[in-house]
Amino acid sequence: MTEGNFVDYVKIHVESGKGGQGSAHLRREKYIPKGGPDGGDGGRGGHIILVANSNMWTLHHLKFKRHYRAGHGEHGSKQTSTGADGADIYIQVPLGTLVINTETGEKMKELMEHGEELVIAKGGKGGRGNNHFKSSTNQTPRYAQPGMDGEEGDFTLEMKVLADVGLVGFPNAGKSTLLSVITAAKPKIANYEFTTLKPNLGIVEYRDHRTFVMADIPGIIEGAAEGKGLGHYFLRHIERNSTLLFLIPADADDIRGQYNILLDELKRYNPELLDKDKLVAISKSDMLDEELKAEMKAELDKDFKGIPYLFFSSVAQLGLMELKDTLWGMLNGTSVHEV
């Protein structure tokens, strides 16, 4: 999937169908010149329904079609025949799509399971035919109910990427490079900040044909939690990752300082993010010789007490299997030791 095709935020306008009108027909047949009321009910108007689809990864298909109108119900007819219901409109969305009422700001539901449905605009009820209104005192009612109007509204759809591991780091920390090396994903890679403007997903192949999903999320900058830079645009994608992989380059001036800034941005956005499993990975470690790496380990052992960390290099293919082993262990509840 190219970056341009990844759409994770759209607004749509929907109108459900109007209910059909009830019939005020009176039975008139040969030899029955004055039959009673036999008007049928009007059909229901069509619903607008969102459906979660596990085969979809983006809201791109909604980018150029944002108005949806369901069919109206048919009118009732003689012989108490009920009108046909209006055609429902089904809108397919990826798993992890949050539905928000744009006008009120209400978060209606997050669609998380394949086939899960949400009716966002109900069709109007069909009117009742005159057959319902006959009584001992009014045996030939000549009136019926009109159909009820449908619903109309604006909705915002926000998609949160569903991945096992989310890559967290400052711009140009090497996240896209790592994803390109250990998955089949082909993210844009360049030596400048904000190369990644949309999340990239890749499937990591592990031992014995097992796999897990990793997401490269646009780089964090200070103030992201307040919306600075790309702000909330990407932070919401981290909410669905069960494990957070913090990438900090080996040539950073203060590794623990960078980690603290990243942690603080996540905390200010959503404190619950700190409850996720965390692993610190020192990228670009091929620049370090053994002596310098030993010195850094001594410092990191003091700075990262209780927090697992490791060294790796995407370019030199160093420590990648160890990284996969550690992540797999964290995802599946096996013990993770400090390296």
Protein backbone atom coordinates (compact mmCIF):
# COMPACT_ATOMS: atom_id res chain seq x y z
CA MET A 1 0.00 0.00 0.00
CA THR A 2 1.43 3.36 -1.00
CA GLU A 3 1.47 6.24 1.46
CA GLY A 4 -1.02 8.18 -0.66
CA ASN A 5 -3.54 5.35 -0.40
CA PHE A 6 -3.43 5.25 3.40
CA VAL A 7 -6.39 7.27 4.66
CA ASP A 8 -7.26 7.00 8.35
CA TYR A 9 -9.63 9.95 8.84
CA VAL A 10 -12.75 10.85 6.84
CA LYS A 11 -16.03 12.67 7.35
CA ILE A 12 -19.18 11.36 5.72
CA HIS A 13 -22.74 12.68 5.36
CA VAL A 14 -25.56 10.14 5.45
CA GLU A 15 -29.32 10.15 4.91
CA SER A 16 -31.48 7.15 5.70
CA GLY A 17 -34.65 6.44 3.71
CA LYS A 18 -38.12 7.77 4.43
CA GLY A 19 -40.82 5.27 5.37
CA GLY A 20 -43.51 4.46 2.83
CA GLN A 21 -47.03 5.81 3.23
CA GLY A 22 -49.80 3.56 4.49
CA SER A 23 -52.69 2.83 2.13
CA ALA A 24 -56.25 4.06 2.70
CA HIS A 25 -57.70 1.58 0.21
CA LEU A 26 -61.21 0.17 0.65
CA ARG A 27 -61.98 -3.30 -0.61
CA ARG A 28 -64.01 -3.11 -3.84
CA GLU A 29 -64.67 -6.31 -5.74
CA LYS A 30 -67.50 -7.79 -7.79
CA TYR A 31 -70.36 -8.66 -5.48
CA ILE A 32 -68.58 -6.85 -2.64
CA PRO A 33 -69.41 -3.22 -3.37
CA LYS A 34 -68.77 -2.00 0.15
CA GLY A 35 -65.91 -4.03 1.56
CA GLY A 36 -63.99 -2.92 4.60
CA PRO A 37 -60.59 -1.19 4.72
CA ASP A 38 -57.74 -3.28 3.36
CA GLY A 39 -54.93 -0.76 3.04
CA GLY A 40 -51.47 -2.13 3.82
CA ASP A 41 -48.58 -0.56 5.71
CA GLY A 42 -45.75 1.37 4.12
CA GLY A 43 -42.30 -0.19 4.02
CA ARG A 44 -39.45 0.89 6.25
CA GLY A 45 -36.88 3.32 4.90
CA GLY A 46 -33.37 2.01 4.29
CA HIS A 47 -30.72 2.12 7.03
CA ILE A 48 -27.14 3.36 6.71
CA ILE A 49 -24.95 0.63 8.23
CA LEU A 50 -21.20 0.47 8.88
CA VAL A 51 -19.65 -3.00 8.63
CA ALA A 52 -16.19 -3.94 9.94
CA ASN A 53 -14.07 -5.80 7.39
CA SER A 54 -10.81 -7.50 8.41
CA ASN A 55 -9.59 -7.45 4.80
CA MET A 56 -9.40 -3.66 4.71
CA TRP A 57 -6.48 -1.55 5.97
CA THR A 58 -7.54 1.99 5.07
CA LEU A 59 -10.49 4.36 4.63
CA HIS A 60 -9.20 5.33 1.20
CA HIS A 61 -12.36 4.05 -0.54
CA LEU A 62 -14.38 6.70 1.33
CA LYS A 63 -12.11 9.57 0.36
CA PHE A 64 -13.95 10.48 -2.83
CA LYS A 65 -17.47 9.30 -1.93
CA ARG A 66 -18.63 10.95 1.24
CA HIS A 67 -22.40 11.24 0.72
CA TYR A 68 -24.65 8.22 1.21
CA ARG A 69 -28.43 8.05 0.80
CA ALA A 70 -30.51 4.94 1.48
CA GLY A 71 -33.67 4.00 -0.44
CA HIS A 72 -37.18 5.08 0.57
CA GLY A 73 -39.79 2.57 1.64
CA GLU A 74 -42.56 1.72 -0.83
CA HIS A 75 -46.17 2.72 -0.13
CA GLY A 76 -48.66 0.16 1.16
CA SER A 77 -51.33 -1.13 -1.21
CA LYS A 78 -54.65 -2.97 -1.29
CA GLN A 79 -55.29 -6.40 0.19
CA THR A 80 -53.22 -5.31 3.22
CA SER A 81 -50.03 -5.58 1.17
CA THR A 82 -47.05 -4.04 2.93
CA GLY A 83 -44.73 -1.91 0.84
CA ALA A 84 -41.17 -3.09 0.26
CA ASP A 85 -38.47 -1.79 2.61
CA GLY A 86 -36.03 0.74 1.24
CA ALA A 87 -32.61 -0.57 0.24
CA ASP A 88 -30.04 -0.45 3.07
CA ILE A 89 -26.63 1.04 2.40
CA TYR A 90 -23.66 -0.92 3.80
CA ILE A 91 -20.36 0.93 4.21
CA GLN A 92 -17.30 -1.30 4.70
CA VAL A 93 -14.64 -0.03 7.13
CA PRO A 94 -11.40 -1.55 8.53
CA LEU A 95 -11.15 -3.04 12.00
CA GLY A 96 -10.22 -0.42 14.57
CA THR A 97 -12.49 2.27 13.09
CA LEU A 98 -13.88 4.70 15.68
CA VAL A 99 -17.25 6.26 14.78
CA ILE A 100 -17.89 9.79 16.06
CA ASN A 101 -21.02 11.92 15.70
CA THR A 102 -19.48 15.04 14.17
CA GLU A 103 -22.16 17.40 15.47
CA THR A 104 -22.19 16.26 19.11
CA GLY A 105 -18.66 14.85 19.38
CA GLU A 106 -20.09 11.62 20.85
CA LYS A 107 -17.91 8.56 20.36
CA MET A 108 -20.52 6.03 19.27
CA LYS A 109 -18.56 2.80 18.87
CA GLU A 110 -15.26 1.29 17.85
CA LEU A 111 -15.66 -1.56 15.38
CA MET A 112 -13.19 -4.28 16.35
CA GLU A 113 -14.52 -7.61 15.02
CA HIS A 114 -15.01 -8.81 11.46
CA GLY A 115 -18.65 -8.52 10.43
CA GLU A 116 -19.57 -6.24 13.34
CA GLU A 117 -22.26 -3.75 12.30
CA LEU A 118 -23.36 -0.32 13.48
CA VAL A 119 -26.53 1.41 12.22
CA ILE A 120 -25.62 5.11 12.13
CA ALA A 121 -28.87 6.30 10.53
CA LYS A 122 -32.12 4.37 10.93
CA GLY A 123 -34.68 4.38 8.17
CA GLY A 124 -38.04 5.97 8.91
CA LYS A 125 -40.93 3.71 9.93
CA GLY A 126 -43.57 3.00 7.35
CA GLY A 127 -47.04 4.48 7.93
CA ARG A 128 -49.86 2.19 9.01
CA GLY A 129 -52.65 1.44 6.56
CA ASN A 130 -56.31 2.13 7.24
CA ASN A 131 -56.85 -1.53 8.11
CA HIS A 132 -55.35 -0.72 11.55
CA PHE A 133 -57.90 2.00 12.30
CA LYS A 134 -61.20 0.16 11.81
CA SER A 135 -63.40 -0.19 14.86
CA SER A 136 -66.99 -0.87 15.77
CA THR A 137 -67.75 2.82 15.54
CA ASN A 138 -65.62 3.52 12.46
CA GLN A 139 -65.87 0.59 10.11
CA THR A 140 -64.58 2.34 6.98
CA PRO A 141 -61.71 4.65 7.97
CA ARG A 142 -60.54 6.56 4.91
CA TYR A 143 -57.22 7.67 6.28
CA ALA A 144 -53.75 6.14 6.80
CA GLN A 145 -50.48 7.27 8.31
CA PRO A 146 -47.72 8.92 6.27
CA GLY A 147 -44.28 7.39 6.50
CA MET A 148 -41.80 8.85 8.98
CA ASP A 149 -38.77 10.76 7.79
CA GLY A 150 -35.36 9.13 7.89
CA GLU A 151 -32.34 10.40 9.80
CA GLU A 152 -29.62 12.67 8.47
CA GLY A 153 -26.24 13.41 9.96
CA ASP A 154 -22.49 13.84 9.68
CA PHE A 155 -20.07 11.29 11.07
CA THR A 156 -16.31 11.22 11.50
CA LEU A 157 -14.50 7.92 11.01
CA GLU A 158 -11.08 7.56 12.64
CA MET A 159 -9.04 4.45 12.06
CA LYS A 160 -6.52 3.23 14.59
CA VAL A 161 -3.90 0.90 13.18
CA LEU A 162 -4.16 -2.62 14.58
CA ALA A 163 -0.64 -3.91 15.07
CA ASP A 164 1.14 -6.01 17.70
CA VAL A 165 4.20 -3.75 17.92
CA GLY A 166 4.29 0.01 17.47
CA LEU A 167 7.58 1.76 16.67
CA VAL A 168 8.02 4.91 18.74
CA GLY A 169 10.83 7.40 18.28
CA PHE A 170 11.92 10.81 17.13
CA PRO A 171 12.02 11.58 13.40
CA ASN A 172 14.94 9.97 11.61
CA ALA A 173 15.54 7.38 14.37
CA GLY A 174 15.60 4.49 11.87
CA LYS A 175 12.05 3.18 12.26
CA SER A 176 11.31 2.95 8.53
CA THR A 177 14.65 1.28 7.88
CA LEU A 178 13.96 -1.36 10.54
CA LEU A 179 10.51 -2.06 9.12
CA SER A 180 11.91 -2.43 5.61
CA VAL A 181 14.56 -4.91 6.81
CA ILE A 182 12.48 -7.26 8.97
CA THR A 183 9.22 -7.14 6.98
CA ALA A 184 8.18 -6.99 3.33
CA ALA A 185 6.94 -3.41 3.75
CA LYS A 186 8.55 -0.77 1.53
CA PRO A 187 8.27 2.51 3.43
CA LYS A 188 9.82 5.71 2.11
CA ILE A 189 13.31 6.12 3.58
CA ALA A 190 15.45 9.25 3.51
CA ASN A 191 17.86 11.10 5.77
CA TYR A 192 15.54 13.90 6.82
CA GLU A 193 12.81 14.37 9.40
CA PHE A 194 9.22 13.30 8.78
CA THR A 195 9.97 10.97 5.89
CA THR A 196 7.04 8.96 7.23
CA LEU A 197 3.82 10.95 7.16
CA LYS A 198 1.42 8.00 7.43
CA PRO A 199 1.72 4.75 9.43
CA ASN A 200 3.27 1.83 7.59
CA LEU A 201 2.39 -1.76 8.42
CA GLY A 202 4.55 -4.82 7.94
CA ILE A 203 4.32 -8.50 8.87
CA VAL A 204 7.39 -9.81 10.68
CA GLU A 205 8.18 -13.43 9.88
CA TYR A 206 9.40 -15.29 12.94
CA ARG A 207 10.59 -18.82 13.61
CA ASP A 208 8.46 -21.79 12.49
CA HIS A 209 6.42 -19.63 10.10
CA ARG A 210 4.92 -17.59 12.93
CA THR A 211 4.29 -13.90 12.36
CA PHE A 212 3.39 -10.66 14.11
CA VAL A 213 2.45 -7.21 12.81
CA MET A 214 4.64 -4.14 13.28
CA ALA A 215 3.63 -0.53 12.62
CA ASP A 216 6.02 2.30 11.81
CA ILE A 217 4.34 5.43 13.19
CA PRO A 218 5.43 8.99 12.24
CA GLY A 219 8.15 10.36 14.50
CA ILE A 220 7.27 12.08 17.76
CA ILE A 221 8.41 15.61 18.52
CA GLU A 222 8.11 17.52 21.80
CA GLY A 223 4.63 18.97 22.13
CA ALA A 224 3.02 16.21 20.06
CA ALA A 225 0.45 15.52 22.79
CA GLU A 226 -0.81 19.09 22.40
CA GLY A 227 -1.09 18.64 18.65
CA LYS A 228 2.26 20.17 17.69
CA GLY A 229 3.75 18.76 14.50
CA LEU A 230 1.66 15.77 13.44
CA GLY A 231 0.32 15.59 17.00
CA HIS A 232 -2.82 13.55 17.60
CA TYR A 233 -2.80 12.49 13.97
CA PHE A 234 -0.38 9.65 14.73
CA LEU A 235 -0.53 9.23 18.51
CA ARG A 236 -3.93 7.56 18.27
CA HIS A 237 -2.37 4.74 16.24
CA ILE A 238 -0.24 3.73 19.23
CA GLU A 239 -3.33 3.02 21.35
CA ARG A 240 -3.99 -0.34 19.69
CA ASN A 241 -0.42 -1.71 19.89
CA SER A 242 0.15 -4.20 22.69
CA THR A 243 3.92 -3.60 22.79
CA LEU A 244 5.80 -0.34 22.21
CA LEU A 245 9.29 -0.50 20.73
CA PHE A 246 11.20 2.70 21.50
CA LEU A 247 13.88 3.37 18.89
CA ILE A 248 16.73 5.65 19.91
CA PRO A 249 19.84 6.04 17.71
CA ALA A 250 23.22 5.15 19.20
CA ASP A 251 24.57 8.62 18.33
CA ALA A 252 21.92 10.41 20.41
CA ASP A 253 23.34 12.92 22.90
CA ASP A 254 21.23 11.60 25.77
CA ILE A 255 19.57 8.21 25.27
CA ARG A 256 17.71 8.21 28.58
CA GLY A 257 16.68 11.84 28.01
CA GLN A 258 15.16 11.00 24.63
CA TYR A 259 13.31 8.05 26.15
CA ASN A 260 11.91 10.29 28.91
CA ILE A 261 10.64 12.83 26.37
CA LEU A 262 8.96 10.11 24.32
CA LEU A 263 7.42 8.62 27.45
CA ASP A 264 6.17 12.03 28.60
CA GLU A 265 4.46 12.73 25.26
CA LEU A 266 2.64 9.38 25.43
CA LYS A 267 1.63 10.03 29.05
CA ARG A 268 0.20 13.46 28.27
CA TYR A 269 -1.76 12.08 25.34
CA ASN A 270 -3.12 9.02 27.17
CA PRO A 271 -1.66 7.80 30.52
CA GLU A 272 -2.92 4.27 29.79
CA LEU A 273 -0.25 3.94 27.11
CA LEU A 274 2.35 3.62 29.87
CA ASP A 275 0.77 0.33 30.95
CA LYS A 276 1.86 -1.34 27.71
CA ASP A 277 4.98 -3.51 27.47
CA LYS A 278 7.99 -1.43 26.50
CA LEU A 279 11.33 -2.31 24.91
CA VAL A 280 14.15 0.15 24.18
CA ALA A 281 16.16 -0.61 21.05
CA ILE A 282 19.39 1.30 20.36
CA SER A 283 19.52 1.62 16.56
CA LYS A 284 22.52 2.31 14.30
CA SER A 285 24.76 0.40 16.73
CA ASP A 286 27.09 -0.62 13.87
CA MET A 287 28.74 2.77 14.54
CA LEU A 288 29.91 1.49 17.94
CA ASP A 289 33.05 -0.55 18.56
CA GLU A 290 33.07 -3.12 21.35
CA GLU A 291 34.78 -0.81 23.84
CA LEU A 292 32.28 2.02 23.30
CA LYS A 293 29.37 -0.40 23.44
CA ALA A 294 30.62 -1.76 26.78
CA GLU A 295 30.81 1.78 28.17
CA MET A 296 27.29 2.52 26.95
CA LYS A 297 25.98 -0.71 28.49
CA ALA A 298 27.38 0.27 31.86
CA GLU A 299 25.56 3.61 31.65
CA LEU A 300 22.32 2.08 30.33
CA ASP A 301 22.28 -0.55 33.09
CA LYS A 302 22.02 2.34 35.55
CA ASP A 303 19.62 4.45 33.47
CA PHE A 304 17.24 1.67 32.42
CA LYS A 305 16.80 -0.36 35.60
CA GLY A 306 13.91 -2.75 35.05
CA ILE A 307 13.45 -1.67 31.44
CA PRO A 308 14.68 -4.16 28.81
CA TYR A 309 16.98 -2.75 26.12
CA LEU A 310 19.16 -4.07 23.33
CA PHE A 311 21.46 -2.94 20.51
CA PHE A 312 20.83 -3.56 16.82
CA SER A 313 21.64 -2.28 13.36
CA SER A 314 19.22 -2.51 10.44
CA VAL A 315 21.86 -1.64 7.85
CA ALA A 316 24.50 -4.08 9.14
CA GLN A 317 21.86 -6.73 10.03
CA LEU A 318 23.12 -6.93 13.61
CA GLY A 319 20.94 -8.06 16.52
CA LEU A 320 17.78 -8.44 14.43
CA MET A 321 17.07 -12.03 15.47
CA GLU A 322 17.58 -11.11 19.11
CA LEU A 323 15.13 -8.22 18.61
CA LYS A 324 12.53 -10.57 17.11
CA ASP A 325 13.03 -13.10 19.94
CA THR A 326 12.54 -10.43 22.58
CA LEU A 327 9.43 -8.97 20.92
CA TRP A 328 7.90 -12.42 20.42
CA GLY A 329 8.50 -13.22 24.08
CA MET A 330 6.82 -9.98 25.15
CA LEU A 331 3.83 -10.53 22.87
CA ASN A 332 3.31 -14.08 24.11
CA GLY A 333 3.95 -13.61 27.80
CA THR A 334 7.28 -15.39 28.06
CA SER A 335 10.00 -13.89 30.21
CA VAL A 336 12.02 -10.97 28.89
CA HIS A 337 15.48 -10.53 30.32
CA GLU A 338 17.59 -7.42 30.21
CA VAL A 339 20.33 -7.61 27.64
